[in-house]
C-alpha atoms as a PDB file:
ATOM      1  CA  MET A   1      -2.350  -2.119 -18.602  1.00  0.00           C
ATOM      2  CA  THR A   2      -5.579  -0.150 -18.492  1.00  0.00           C
ATOM      3  CA  HIS A   3      -5.950   3.453 -17.373  1.00  0.00           C
ATOM      4  CA  HIS A   4      -7.634   2.240 -14.197  1.00  0.00           C
ATOM      5  CA  GLY A   5      -4.787  -0.198 -13.574  1.00  0.00           C
ATOM      6  CA  LEU A   6      -2.221   2.599 -13.855  1.00  0.00           C
ATOM      7  CA  GLN A   7      -4.302   4.793 -11.585  1.00  0.00           C
ATOM      8  CA  HIS A   8      -4.567   2.008  -9.010  1.00  0.00           C
ATOM      9  CA  SER A   9      -0.817   1.308  -9.152  1.00  0.00           C
ATOM     10  CA  CYS A  10      -0.030   4.984  -8.689  1.00  0.00           C
ATOM     11  CA  ALA A  11      -2.419   5.260  -5.744  1.00  0.00           C
ATOM     12  CA  ALA A  12      -1.052   2.180  -3.979  1.00  0.00           C
ATOM     13  CA  ARG A  13       2.586   3.144  -4.515  1.00  0.00           C
ATOM     14  CA  THR A  14       2.089   6.743  -3.421  1.00  0.00           C
ATOM     15  CA  TYR A  15       0.136   5.646  -0.336  1.00  0.00           C
ATOM     16  CA  ARG A  16       2.851   3.145   0.611  1.00  0.00           C
ATOM     17  CA  GLU A  17       5.594   5.761   0.215  1.00  0.00           C
ATOM     18  CA  LEU A  18       3.690   8.295   2.301  1.00  0.00           C
ATOM     19  CA  ILE A  19       3.147   5.751   5.088  1.00  0.00           C
ATOM     20  CA  GLU A  20       6.787   4.632   4.983  1.00  0.00           C
ATOM     21  CA  ASN A  21       7.831   8.290   5.334  1.00  0.00           C
ATOM     22  CA  GLY A  22       5.746   8.748   8.471  1.00  0.00           C
ATOM     23  CA  ALA A  23       2.398  10.044   7.211  1.00  0.00           C
ATOM     24  CA  ALA A  24      -0.673   9.022   9.173  1.00  0.00           C
ATOM     25  CA  PRO A  25      -2.938   6.662   7.187  1.00  0.00           C
ATOM     26  CA  LEU A  26      -5.778   9.188   6.998  1.00  0.00           C
ATOM     27  CA  ASP A  27      -3.463  11.982   5.824  1.00  0.00           C
ATOM     28  CA  ALA A  28      -1.929   9.667   3.223  1.00  0.00           C
ATOM     29  CA  SER A  29      -5.421   8.745   1.994  1.00  0.00           C
ATOM     30  CA  TYR A  30      -6.370  12.407   1.577  1.00  0.00           C
ATOM     31  CA  GLN A  31      -3.128  13.195  -0.269  1.00  0.00           C
ATOM     32  CA  VAL A  32      -3.657  10.298  -2.680  1.00  0.00           C
ATOM     33  CA  SER A  33      -7.275  11.359  -3.157  1.00  0.00           C
ATOM     34  CA  ARG A  34      -6.185  14.869  -4.155  1.00  0.00           C
ATOM     35  CA  LEU A  35      -3.483  13.460  -6.449  1.00  0.00           C
ATOM     36  CA  LEU A  36      -6.064  11.385  -8.309  1.00  0.00           C
ATOM     37  CA  GLY A  37      -8.520  14.274  -8.533  1.00  0.00           C
ATOM     38  CA  HIS A  38     -11.266  12.547  -6.569  1.00  0.00           C
ATOM     39  CA  GLU A  39     -13.902  14.773  -5.063  1.00  0.00           C
ATOM     40  CA  ARG A  40     -14.585  12.294  -2.274  1.00  0.00           C
ATOM     41  CA  PRO A  41     -11.707  10.720  -0.300  1.00  0.00           C
ATOM     42  CA  ASP A  42     -13.873   7.673   0.465  1.00  0.00           C
ATOM     43  CA  GLU A  43     -13.862   6.901  -3.272  1.00  0.00           C
ATOM     44  CA  THR A  44     -10.065   6.676  -3.187  1.00  0.00           C
ATOM     45  CA  ILE A  45     -10.036   4.579  -0.036  1.00  0.00           C
ATOM     46  CA  ASN A  46     -12.728   2.144  -1.172  1.00  0.00           C
ATOM     47  CA  ILE A  47     -11.528   1.675  -4.744  1.00  0.00           C
ATOM     48  CA  HIS A  48      -7.778   2.155  -4.760  1.00  0.00           C
ATOM     49  CA  LEU A  49      -6.442   1.792  -1.244  1.00  0.00           C
ATOM     50  CA  ASP A  50      -8.531  -1.162  -0.076  1.00  0.00           C
ATOM     51  CA  ALA A  51      -6.432  -3.458  -2.265  1.00  0.00           C
ATOM     52  CA  TYR A  52      -3.278  -1.926  -0.796  1.00  0.00           C
ATOM     53  CA  GLY A  53      -4.235  -3.306   2.609  1.00  0.00           C
ATOM     54  CA  ARG A  54      -4.458  -6.831   1.214  1.00  0.00           C
ATOM     55  CA  VAL A  55      -1.145  -6.438  -0.606  1.00  0.00           C
ATOM     56  CA  SER A  56       0.469  -5.015   2.492  1.00  0.00           C
ATOM     57  CA  GLN A  57      -0.664  -7.975   4.622  1.00  0.00           C
ATOM     58  CA  LYS A  58       0.656 -10.387   2.008  1.00  0.00           C
ATOM     59  CA  MET A  59       3.982  -8.565   1.883  1.00  0.00           C
ATOM     60  CA  ARG A  60       4.292  -8.657   5.687  1.00  0.00           C
ATOM     61  CA  GLN A  61       3.631 -12.403   5.709  1.00  0.00           C
ATOM     62  CA  GLN A  62       6.177 -13.036   2.964  1.00  0.00           C
ATOM     63  CA  SER A  63       8.751 -10.976   4.836  1.00  0.00           C
ATOM     64  CA  ALA A  64       8.088 -12.864   8.076  1.00  0.00           C
ATOM     65  CA  ASN A  65       8.435 -16.187   6.243  1.00  0.00           C
ATOM     66  CA  ARG A  66      11.765 -15.131   4.724  1.00  0.00           C
ATOM     67  CA  MET A  67      13.054 -13.972   8.108  1.00  0.00           C
ATOM     68  CA  GLU A  68      12.067 -17.264   9.713  1.00  0.00           C
ATOM     69  CA  GLN A  69      13.871 -19.193   6.958  1.00  0.00           C
ATOM     70  CA  PHE A  70      16.975 -17.054   7.437  1.00  0.00           C
ATOM     71  CA  ILE A  71      16.989 -17.569  11.210  1.00  0.00           C
ATOM     72  CA  ARG A  72      16.659 -21.320  10.788  1.00  0.00           C
ATOM     73  CA  LYS A  73      19.519 -21.327   8.283  1.00  0.00           C
ATOM     74  CA  VAL A  74      21.945 -19.342  10.457  1.00  0.00           C
ATOM     75  CA  SER A  75      20.980 -21.184  13.669  1.00  0.00           C
ATOM     76  CA  GLY A  76      21.942 -24.458  12.097  1.00  0.00           C
END
């Protein structure tokens, strides 16, 4: 994995954890920006966290699909 790949993974994971622990999206973005040493928070959002939104949507869809399959299975 490249340095940029590690940086991106760290940003996405940290952002997700902050959101899951109740941080507002903007606050989480600023915290991740500071963690990565970016001077401009928009750099963090545009480069690292934009992909998180796509991953998050995919994860929500996968979770909904699994739940639907489970409900069908237990409903007979």
